[in-house]
All heavy atoms as atom14 arrays in JSON, in Angstrom:
{
  "sequence": "GTYRFFSGTARLPEGSEVVEHSTSFLDVVESFQLKRVIESGLSF",
  "atom14_mask": [
    [1, 1, 1, 1, 0, 0, 0, 0, 0, 0, 0, 0, 0, 0],
    [1, 1, 1, 1, 1, 1, 1, 0, 0, 0, 0, 0, 0, 0],
    [1, 1, 1, 1, 1, 1, 1, 1, 1, 1, 1, 1, 0, 0],
    [1, 1, 1, 1, 1, 1, 1, 1, 1, 1, 1, 0, 0, 0],
    [1, 1, 1, 1, 1, 1, 1, 1, 1, 1, 1, 0, 0, 0],
    [1, 1, 1, 1, 1, 1, 1, 1, 1, 1, 1, 0, 0, 0],
    [1, 1, 1, 1, 1, 1, 0, 0, 0, 0, 0, 0, 0, 0],
    [1, 1, 1, 1, 0, 0, 0, 0, 0, 0, 0, 0, 0, 0],
    [1, 1, 1, 1, 1, 1, 1, 0, 0, 0, 0, 0, 0, 0],
    [1, 1, 1, 1, 1, 0, 0, 0, 0, 0, 0, 0, 0, 0],
    [1, 1, 1, 1, 1, 1, 1, 1, 1, 1, 1, 0, 0, 0],
    [1, 1, 1, 1, 1, 1, 1, 1, 0, 0, 0, 0, 0, 0],
    [1, 1, 1, 1, 1, 1, 1, 0, 0, 0, 0, 0, 0, 0],
    [1, 1, 1, 1, 1, 1, 1, 1, 1, 0, 0, 0, 0, 0],
    [1, 1, 1, 1, 0, 0, 0, 0, 0, 0, 0, 0, 0, 0],
    [1, 1, 1, 1, 1, 1, 0, 0, 0, 0, 0, 0, 0, 0],
    [1, 1, 1, 1, 1, 1, 1, 1, 1, 0, 0, 0, 0, 0],
    [1, 1, 1, 1, 1, 1, 1, 0, 0, 0, 0, 0, 0, 0],
    [1, 1, 1, 1, 1, 1, 1, 0, 0, 0, 0, 0, 0, 0],
    [1, 1, 1, 1, 1, 1, 1, 1, 1, 0, 0, 0, 0, 0],
    [1, 1, 1, 1, 1, 1, 1, 1, 1, 1, 0, 0, 0, 0],
    [1, 1, 1, 1, 1, 1, 0, 0, 0, 0, 0, 0, 0, 0],
    [1, 1, 1, 1, 1, 1, 1, 0, 0, 0, 0, 0, 0, 0],
    [1, 1, 1, 1, 1, 1, 0, 0, 0, 0, 0, 0, 0, 0],
    [1, 1, 1, 1, 1, 1, 1, 1, 1, 1, 1, 0, 0, 0],
    [1, 1, 1, 1, 1, 1, 1, 1, 0, 0, 0, 0, 0, 0],
    [1, 1, 1, 1, 1, 1, 1, 1, 0, 0, 0, 0, 0, 0],
    [1, 1, 1, 1, 1, 1, 1, 0, 0, 0, 0, 0, 0, 0],
    [1, 1, 1, 1, 1, 1, 1, 0, 0, 0, 0, 0, 0, 0],
    [1, 1, 1, 1, 1, 1, 1, 1, 1, 0, 0, 0, 0, 0],
    [1, 1, 1, 1, 1, 1, 0, 0, 0, 0, 0, 0, 0, 0],
    [1, 1, 1, 1, 1, 1, 1, 1, 1, 1, 1, 0, 0, 0],
    [1, 1, 1, 1, 1, 1, 1, 1, 1, 0, 0, 0, 0, 0],
    [1, 1, 1, 1, 1, 1, 1, 1, 0, 0, 0, 0, 0, 0],
    [1, 1, 1, 1, 1, 1, 1, 1, 1, 0, 0, 0, 0, 0],
    [1, 1, 1, 1, 1, 1, 1, 1, 1, 1, 1, 0, 0, 0],
    [1, 1, 1, 1, 1, 1, 1, 0, 0, 0, 0, 0, 0, 0],
    [1, 1, 1, 1, 1, 1, 1, 1, 0, 0, 0, 0, 0, 0],
    [1, 1, 1, 1, 1, 1, 1, 1, 1, 0, 0, 0, 0, 0],
    [1, 1, 1, 1, 1, 1, 0, 0, 0, 0, 0, 0, 0, 0],
    [1, 1, 1, 1, 0, 0, 0, 0, 0, 0, 0, 0, 0, 0],
    [1, 1, 1, 1, 1, 1, 1, 1, 0, 0, 0, 0, 0, 0],
    [1, 1, 1, 1, 1, 1, 0, 0, 0, 0, 0, 0, 0, 0],
    [1, 1, 1, 1, 1, 1, 1, 1, 1, 1, 1, 0, 0, 0]
  ],
  "atom14_positions": [
    [[-1.33, -13.21, 1.55], [-2.36, -12.48, 0.82], [-2.13, -12.39, -0.7], [-1.13, -12.89, -1.29], [0.0, 0.0, 0.0], [0.0, 0.0, 0.0], [0.0, 0.0, 0.0], [0.0, 0.0, 0.0], [0.0, 0.0, 0.0], [0.0, 0.0, 0.0], [0.0, 0.0, 0.0], [0.0, 0.0, 0.0], [0.0, 0.0, 0.0], [0.0, 0.0, 0.0]],
    [[-3.07, -11.66, -1.36], [-3.04, -11.38, -2.76], [-3.56, -10.0, -2.97], [-4.44, -9.52, -2.26], [-3.78, -12.39, -3.63], [-5.21, -12.44, -3.2], [-3.25, -13.72, -3.5], [0.0, 0.0, 0.0], [0.0, 0.0, 0.0], [0.0, 0.0, 0.0], [0.0, 0.0, 0.0], [0.0, 0.0, 0.0], [0.0, 0.0, 0.0], [0.0, 0.0, 0.0]],
    [[-3.11, -9.37, -4.07], [-3.6, -8.06, -4.5], [-4.19, -8.35, -5.91], [-3.5, -8.77, -6.84], [-2.55, -6.98, -4.58], [-1.52, -7.01, -3.36], [-0.3, -7.65, -3.45], [-1.87, -6.37, -2.16], [0.55, -7.68, -2.49], [-1.06, -6.32, -1.06], [0.24, -7.01, -1.24], [1.15, -7.05, -0.15], [0.0, 0.0, 0.0], [0.0, 0.0, 0.0]],
    [[-5.4, -7.85, -6.12], [-6.03, -7.89, -7.44], [-6.38, -6.55, -7.86], [-7.17, -5.87, -7.16], [-7.25, -8.81, -7.47], [-6.89, -10.23, -7.21], [-8.11, -11.13, -7.17], [-8.68, -11.32, -8.51], [-9.96, -11.55, -8.7], [-10.82, -11.54, -7.77], [-10.4, -11.8, -10.0], [0.0, 0.0, 0.0], [0.0, 0.0, 0.0], [0.0, 0.0, 0.0]],
    [[-5.94, -6.06, -8.99], [-6.15, -4.64, -9.54], [-7.29, -4.77, -10.59], [-7.23, -5.57, -11.55], [-4.88, -4.18, -10.19], [-3.81, -3.82, -9.23], [-3.0, -4.78, -8.73], [-3.65, -2.44, -8.86], [-2.0, -4.4, -7.75], [-2.62, -2.11, -7.95], [-1.79, -3.06, -7.39], [0.0, 0.0, 0.0], [0.0, 0.0, 0.0], [0.0, 0.0, 0.0]],
    [[-8.25, -3.91, -10.39], [-9.45, -3.85, -11.2], [-9.59, -2.47, -11.94], [-9.37, -1.48, -11.23], [-10.72, -4.11, -10.5], [-10.9, -5.49, -10.01], [-10.27, -5.93, -8.76], [-11.76, -6.37, -10.6], [-10.4, -7.13, -8.3], [-11.92, -7.6, -10.09], [-11.29, -8.1, -8.95], [0.0, 0.0, 0.0], [0.0, 0.0, 0.0], [0.0, 0.0, 0.0]],
    [[-9.82, -2.45, -13.22], [-10.2, -1.18, -13.77], [-11.71, -1.02, -13.58], [-12.42, -1.92, -13.18], [-9.92, -1.24, -15.29], [-10.83, -2.06, -15.97], [0.0, 0.0, 0.0], [0.0, 0.0, 0.0], [0.0, 0.0, 0.0], [0.0, 0.0, 0.0], [0.0, 0.0, 0.0], [0.0, 0.0, 0.0], [0.0, 0.0, 0.0], [0.0, 0.0, 0.0]],
    [[-12.14, 0.24, -13.76], [-13.57, 0.48, -13.51], [-13.77, 0.94, -12.13], [-12.86, 1.43, -11.46], [0.0, 0.0, 0.0], [0.0, 0.0, 0.0], [0.0, 0.0, 0.0], [0.0, 0.0, 0.0], [0.0, 0.0, 0.0], [0.0, 0.0, 0.0], [0.0, 0.0, 0.0], [0.0, 0.0, 0.0], [0.0, 0.0, 0.0], [0.0, 0.0, 0.0]],
    [[-14.99, 0.92, -11.65], [-15.38, 1.42, -10.37], [-15.93, 0.3, -9.46], [-16.47, -0.69, -9.96], [-16.42, 2.51, -10.47], [-17.58, 1.98, -11.17], [-15.87, 3.72, -11.24], [0.0, 0.0, 0.0], [0.0, 0.0, 0.0], [0.0, 0.0, 0.0], [0.0, 0.0, 0.0], [0.0, 0.0, 0.0], [0.0, 0.0, 0.0], [0.0, 0.0, 0.0]],
    [[-15.8, 0.53, -8.17], [-16.38, -0.4, -7.18], [-17.42, 0.43, -6.31], [-17.14, 1.45, -5.96], [-15.31, -1.04, -6.25], [0.0, 0.0, 0.0], [0.0, 0.0, 0.0], [0.0, 0.0, 0.0], [0.0, 0.0, 0.0], [0.0, 0.0, 0.0], [0.0, 0.0, 0.0], [0.0, 0.0, 0.0], [0.0, 0.0, 0.0], [0.0, 0.0, 0.0]],
    [[-18.48, -0.28, -6.02], [-19.52, 0.4, -5.24], [-19.3, 0.03, -3.75], [-19.47, -1.03, -3.32], [-20.95, -0.12, -5.67], [-21.37, 0.4, -7.11], [-22.74, -0.03, -7.34], [-23.18, 0.44, -8.64], [-24.42, 0.12, -9.16], [-25.27, -0.55, -8.47], [-24.66, 0.65, -10.36], [0.0, 0.0, 0.0], [0.0, 0.0, 0.0], [0.0, 0.0, 0.0]],
    [[-18.79, 1.01, -3.08], [-18.5, 0.9, -1.64], [-19.61, 1.6, -0.87], [-20.29, 2.44, -1.29], [-17.14, 1.39, -1.29], [-15.97, 0.45, -1.37], [-15.78, -0.04, -2.84], [-14.66, 1.17, -0.94], [0.0, 0.0, 0.0], [0.0, 0.0, 0.0], [0.0, 0.0, 0.0], [0.0, 0.0, 0.0], [0.0, 0.0, 0.0], [0.0, 0.0, 0.0]],
    [[-19.77, 1.04, 0.41], [-20.88, 1.67, 1.21], [-20.72, 3.12, 1.57], [-19.57, 3.69, 1.52], [-20.88, 0.84, 2.48], [-20.11, -0.36, 2.17], [-19.12, 0.0, 1.09], [0.0, 0.0, 0.0], [0.0, 0.0, 0.0], [0.0, 0.0, 0.0], [0.0, 0.0, 0.0], [0.0, 0.0, 0.0], [0.0, 0.0, 0.0], [0.0, 0.0, 0.0]],
    [[-21.85, 3.78, 1.83], [-21.75, 5.15, 2.22], [-20.85, 5.31, 3.57], [-21.03, 4.5, 4.43], [-23.17, 5.69, 2.48], [-23.2, 7.11, 2.85], [-24.65, 7.72, 3.03], [-25.6, 6.9, 2.75], [-24.84, 8.82, 3.48], [0.0, 0.0, 0.0], [0.0, 0.0, 0.0], [0.0, 0.0, 0.0], [0.0, 0.0, 0.0], [0.0, 0.0, 0.0]],
    [[-20.05, 6.29, 3.53], [-19.19, 6.5, 4.63], [-17.8, 5.92, 4.53], [-16.98, 5.91, 5.38], [0.0, 0.0, 0.0], [0.0, 0.0, 0.0], [0.0, 0.0, 0.0], [0.0, 0.0, 0.0], [0.0, 0.0, 0.0], [0.0, 0.0, 0.0], [0.0, 0.0, 0.0], [0.0, 0.0, 0.0], [0.0, 0.0, 0.0], [0.0, 0.0, 0.0]],
    [[-17.56, 5.39, 3.32], [-16.21, 4.84, 3.04], [-15.12, 5.71, 2.54], [-13.98, 5.34, 2.28], [-16.41, 3.64, 2.02], [-16.84, 4.2, 0.76], [0.0, 0.0, 0.0], [0.0, 0.0, 0.0], [0.0, 0.0, 0.0], [0.0, 0.0, 0.0], [0.0, 0.0, 0.0], [0.0, 0.0, 0.0], [0.0, 0.0, 0.0], [0.0, 0.0, 0.0]],
    [[-15.47, 7.04, 2.52], [-14.41, 8.06, 2.16], [-13.24, 8.1, 3.04], [-13.42, 8.0, 4.27], [-15.04, 9.46, 1.98], [-16.13, 9.61, 0.9], [-17.42, 8.97, 1.24], [-17.64, 8.59, 2.43], [-18.33, 8.85, 0.33], [0.0, 0.0, 0.0], [0.0, 0.0, 0.0], [0.0, 0.0, 0.0], [0.0, 0.0, 0.0], [0.0, 0.0, 0.0]],
    [[-12.05, 8.07, 2.48], [-10.86, 8.26, 3.29], [-10.47, 9.72, 3.38], [-10.23, 10.38, 2.31], [-9.72, 7.42, 2.65], [-8.41, 7.7, 3.41], [-10.02, 5.93, 2.6], [0.0, 0.0, 0.0], [0.0, 0.0, 0.0], [0.0, 0.0, 0.0], [0.0, 0.0, 0.0], [0.0, 0.0, 0.0], [0.0, 0.0, 0.0], [0.0, 0.0, 0.0]],
    [[-10.27, 10.22, 4.59], [-9.97, 11.58, 4.82], [-8.55, 11.87, 5.26], [-7.92, 12.69, 4.66], [-10.95, 12.12, 5.94], [-10.62, 13.61, 6.21], [-12.36, 12.03, 5.51], [0.0, 0.0, 0.0], [0.0, 0.0, 0.0], [0.0, 0.0, 0.0], [0.0, 0.0, 0.0], [0.0, 0.0, 0.0], [0.0, 0.0, 0.0], [0.0, 0.0, 0.0]],
    [[-8.04, 11.14, 6.19], [-6.7, 11.4, 6.75], [-5.65, 10.41, 6.26], [-4.42, 10.76, 6.42], [-6.78, 11.3, 8.29], [-7.72, 12.34, 8.95], [-7.76, 12.24, 10.42], [-6.98, 11.31, 10.97], [-8.49, 12.99, 11.1], [0.0, 0.0, 0.0], [0.0, 0.0, 0.0], [0.0, 0.0, 0.0], [0.0, 0.0, 0.0], [0.0, 0.0, 0.0]],
    [[-6.01, 9.36, 5.69], [-5.06, 8.35, 5.39], [-5.01, 8.0, 3.92], [-4.78, 6.77, 3.56], [-5.26, 7.03, 6.27], [-4.96, 7.38, 7.65], [-3.83, 7.4, 8.29], [-5.93, 7.55, 8.7], [-3.86, 7.63, 9.54], [-5.18, 7.74, 9.86], [0.0, 0.0, 0.0], [0.0, 0.0, 0.0], [0.0, 0.0, 0.0], [0.0, 0.0, 0.0]],
    [[-5.13, 8.89, 3.02], [-5.17, 8.65, 1.6], [-3.86, 8.15, 1.01], [-3.8, 7.47, -0.03], [-5.69, 9.89, 0.83], [-4.73, 10.94, 1.06], [0.0, 0.0, 0.0], [0.0, 0.0, 0.0], [0.0, 0.0, 0.0], [0.0, 0.0, 0.0], [0.0, 0.0, 0.0], [0.0, 0.0, 0.0], [0.0, 0.0, 0.0], [0.0, 0.0, 0.0]],
    [[-2.71, 8.46, 1.7], [-1.36, 8.01, 1.2], [-0.8, 6.97, 2.15], [0.26, 6.54, 1.88], [-0.47, 9.2, 1.05], [-0.19, 9.77, 2.39], [-0.97, 10.34, 0.18], [0.0, 0.0, 0.0], [0.0, 0.0, 0.0], [0.0, 0.0, 0.0], [0.0, 0.0, 0.0], [0.0, 0.0, 0.0], [0.0, 0.0, 0.0], [0.0, 0.0, 0.0]],
    [[-1.44, 6.66, 3.19], [-0.87, 5.78, 4.21], [-0.44, 4.35, 3.72], [0.62, 3.93, 4.04], [-1.83, 5.66, 5.45], [-1.95, 6.91, 6.04], [0.0, 0.0, 0.0], [0.0, 0.0, 0.0], [0.0, 0.0, 0.0], [0.0, 0.0, 0.0], [0.0, 0.0, 0.0], [0.0, 0.0, 0.0], [0.0, 0.0, 0.0], [0.0, 0.0, 0.0]],
    [[-1.4, 3.79, 2.92], [-1.07, 2.48, 2.38], [0.16, 2.45, 1.52], [1.07, 1.74, 1.67], [-2.24, 1.9, 1.63], [-1.95, 0.54, 1.04], [-1.78, -0.58, 1.85], [-1.93, 0.32, -0.35], [-1.5, -1.84, 1.32], [-1.72, -0.86, -0.94], [-1.46, -1.97, -0.05], [0.0, 0.0, 0.0], [0.0, 0.0, 0.0], [0.0, 0.0, 0.0]],
    [[0.32, 3.47, 0.63], [1.43, 3.57, -0.26], [2.69, 3.88, 0.63], [3.81, 3.34, 0.34], [1.2, 4.78, -1.22], [2.37, 4.98, -2.28], [2.67, 3.83, -3.0], [1.97, 6.2, -3.15], [0.0, 0.0, 0.0], [0.0, 0.0, 0.0], [0.0, 0.0, 0.0], [0.0, 0.0, 0.0], [0.0, 0.0, 0.0], [0.0, 0.0, 0.0]],
    [[2.61, 4.74, 1.55], [3.73, 5.09, 2.42], [4.29, 3.84, 3.14], [5.44, 3.6, 3.21], [3.35, 6.1, 3.51], [3.07, 7.5, 2.98], [3.45, 7.71, 1.76], [2.39, 8.27, 3.65], [0.0, 0.0, 0.0], [0.0, 0.0, 0.0], [0.0, 0.0, 0.0], [0.0, 0.0, 0.0], [0.0, 0.0, 0.0], [0.0, 0.0, 0.0]],
    [[3.39, 3.02, 3.67], [3.77, 1.85, 4.38], [4.37, 0.75, 3.47], [5.5, 0.19, 3.79], [2.63, 1.16, 5.11], [2.88, -0.25, 5.58], [2.14, 2.03, 6.26], [0.0, 0.0, 0.0], [0.0, 0.0, 0.0], [0.0, 0.0, 0.0], [0.0, 0.0, 0.0], [0.0, 0.0, 0.0], [0.0, 0.0, 0.0], [0.0, 0.0, 0.0]],
    [[3.88, 0.58, 2.25], [4.4, -0.31, 1.28], [5.85, 0.06, 0.86], [6.79, -0.68, 0.71], [3.49, -0.51, 0.07], [4.16, -1.41, -0.97], [2.16, -1.05, 0.46], [0.0, 0.0, 0.0], [0.0, 0.0, 0.0], [0.0, 0.0, 0.0], [0.0, 0.0, 0.0], [0.0, 0.0, 0.0], [0.0, 0.0, 0.0], [0.0, 0.0, 0.0]],
    [[5.98, 1.45, 0.61], [7.32, 1.96, 0.2], [8.37, 1.76, 1.26], [9.5, 1.41, 1.04], [7.22, 3.44, -0.21], [6.44, 3.7, -1.57], [6.33, 5.12, -1.86], [6.27, 5.96, -0.98], [6.28, 5.41, -3.15], [0.0, 0.0, 0.0], [0.0, 0.0, 0.0], [0.0, 0.0, 0.0], [0.0, 0.0, 0.0], [0.0, 0.0, 0.0]],
    [[7.92, 1.98, 2.61], [8.83, 1.84, 3.74], [9.25, 0.4, 3.78], [10.39, 0.08, 4.08], [8.12, 2.31, 5.01], [7.82, 3.65, 4.93], [0.0, 0.0, 0.0], [0.0, 0.0, 0.0], [0.0, 0.0, 0.0], [0.0, 0.0, 0.0], [0.0, 0.0, 0.0], [0.0, 0.0, 0.0], [0.0, 0.0, 0.0], [0.0, 0.0, 0.0]],
    [[8.33, -0.57, 3.63], [8.69, -1.94, 3.76], [9.58, -2.32, 2.57], [10.56, -3.13, 2.89], [7.35, -2.8, 3.63], [7.59, -4.27, 3.72], [7.63, -4.88, 4.93], [7.88, -5.03, 2.55], [7.83, -6.28, 5.08], [8.12, -6.34, 2.76], [8.1, -6.99, 3.99], [0.0, 0.0, 0.0], [0.0, 0.0, 0.0], [0.0, 0.0, 0.0]],
    [[9.41, -1.87, 1.42], [10.3, -2.14, 0.29], [11.64, -1.61, 0.57], [12.69, -2.22, 0.3], [9.7, -1.6, -1.02], [10.59, -1.87, -2.23], [10.83, -3.28, -2.55], [10.26, -4.2, -1.93], [11.67, -3.5, -3.58], [0.0, 0.0, 0.0], [0.0, 0.0, 0.0], [0.0, 0.0, 0.0], [0.0, 0.0, 0.0], [0.0, 0.0, 0.0]],
    [[11.77, -0.37, 1.11], [13.08, 0.22, 1.44], [13.82, -0.58, 2.46], [14.94, -0.8, 2.3], [12.85, 1.72, 1.88], [14.13, 2.39, 2.28], [15.1, 2.53, 1.13], [13.76, 3.82, 2.76], [0.0, 0.0, 0.0], [0.0, 0.0, 0.0], [0.0, 0.0, 0.0], [0.0, 0.0, 0.0], [0.0, 0.0, 0.0], [0.0, 0.0, 0.0]],
    [[13.03, -1.03, 3.43], [13.66, -1.83, 4.51], [14.22, -3.15, 3.94], [15.32, -3.6, 4.28], [12.62, -2.13, 5.63], [13.15, -3.01, 6.71], [12.06, -3.35, 7.71], [12.53, -4.32, 8.8], [11.47, -4.74, 9.7], [0.0, 0.0, 0.0], [0.0, 0.0, 0.0], [0.0, 0.0, 0.0], [0.0, 0.0, 0.0], [0.0, 0.0, 0.0]],
    [[13.42, -3.78, 3.0], [13.83, -5.0, 2.41], [15.12, -4.74, 1.55], [16.07, -5.58, 1.61], [12.68, -5.48, 1.48], [13.07, -6.77, 0.76], [11.85, -7.29, -0.02], [10.85, -7.96, 0.81], [9.71, -8.55, 0.28], [9.51, -8.47, -0.98], [8.9, -9.16, 1.09], [0.0, 0.0, 0.0], [0.0, 0.0, 0.0], [0.0, 0.0, 0.0]],
    [[15.24, -3.63, 0.84], [16.35, -3.38, -0.02], [17.65, -3.19, 0.9], [18.7, -3.65, 0.56], [16.09, -2.15, -0.88], [17.42, -1.68, -1.51], [15.11, -2.41, -1.91], [0.0, 0.0, 0.0], [0.0, 0.0, 0.0], [0.0, 0.0, 0.0], [0.0, 0.0, 0.0], [0.0, 0.0, 0.0], [0.0, 0.0, 0.0], [0.0, 0.0, 0.0]],
    [[17.45, -2.42, 2.01], [18.57, -2.14, 2.94], [19.04, -3.46, 3.44], [20.27, -3.71, 3.61], [18.16, -1.22, 3.97], [17.86, 0.19, 3.37], [19.2, -1.08, 5.05], [17.29, 1.24, 4.41], [0.0, 0.0, 0.0], [0.0, 0.0, 0.0], [0.0, 0.0, 0.0], [0.0, 0.0, 0.0], [0.0, 0.0, 0.0], [0.0, 0.0, 0.0]],
    [[18.11, -4.34, 3.97], [18.48, -5.54, 4.59], [19.17, -6.45, 3.61], [20.12, -7.21, 3.91], [17.23, -6.23, 5.16], [16.74, -5.54, 6.33], [15.44, -6.21, 6.88], [14.86, -6.99, 6.16], [14.99, -5.87, 8.08], [0.0, 0.0, 0.0], [0.0, 0.0, 0.0], [0.0, 0.0, 0.0], [0.0, 0.0, 0.0], [0.0, 0.0, 0.0]],
    [[18.68, -6.39, 2.35], [19.39, -7.25, 1.26], [20.8, -6.75, 1.07], [21.74, -7.57, 0.83], [18.59, -7.14, 0.01], [19.23, -7.85, -1.09], [0.0, 0.0, 0.0], [0.0, 0.0, 0.0], [0.0, 0.0, 0.0], [0.0, 0.0, 0.0], [0.0, 0.0, 0.0], [0.0, 0.0, 0.0], [0.0, 0.0, 0.0], [0.0, 0.0, 0.0]],
    [[21.07, -5.45, 1.11], [22.39, -4.95, 0.87], [23.32, -5.28, 2.0], [24.48, -5.57, 1.74], [0.0, 0.0, 0.0], [0.0, 0.0, 0.0], [0.0, 0.0, 0.0], [0.0, 0.0, 0.0], [0.0, 0.0, 0.0], [0.0, 0.0, 0.0], [0.0, 0.0, 0.0], [0.0, 0.0, 0.0], [0.0, 0.0, 0.0], [0.0, 0.0, 0.0]],
    [[22.8, -5.32, 3.26], [23.61, -5.57, 4.41], [23.94, -7.06, 4.5], [24.91, -7.36, 5.13], [22.86, -5.16, 5.72], [22.63, -3.65, 5.89], [21.73, -3.48, 7.13], [24.0, -2.94, 6.1], [0.0, 0.0, 0.0], [0.0, 0.0, 0.0], [0.0, 0.0, 0.0], [0.0, 0.0, 0.0], [0.0, 0.0, 0.0], [0.0, 0.0, 0.0]],
    [[23.27, -7.92, 3.78], [23.48, -9.35, 3.88], [24.64, -9.7, 3.05], [25.19, -10.89, 3.19], [22.27, -10.11, 3.4], [22.08, -9.87, 2.02], [0.0, 0.0, 0.0], [0.0, 0.0, 0.0], [0.0, 0.0, 0.0], [0.0, 0.0, 0.0], [0.0, 0.0, 0.0], [0.0, 0.0, 0.0], [0.0, 0.0, 0.0], [0.0, 0.0, 0.0]],
    [[25.2, -8.82, 2.19], [26.37, -9.19, 1.32], [27.65, -8.81, 2.09], [27.7, -7.86, 2.8], [26.33, -8.37, -0.06], [25.29, -9.06, -0.97], [24.03, -8.39, -1.05], [25.53, -10.08, -1.7], [23.03, -8.95, -1.89], [24.58, -10.6, -2.58], [23.35, -9.99, -2.6], [0.0, 0.0, 0.0], [0.0, 0.0, 0.0], [0.0, 0.0, 0.0]]
  ]
}
């Protein structure tokens, strides 16, 4: 995949509001990065 960051606003359909998982994407990415760092350290 790719990630593209845009300034400004995007028009998303009605009903696209995030209620319960506003931090979930960040949490998963941080967990993946931590796992990668740990595995890198164990490889030495």
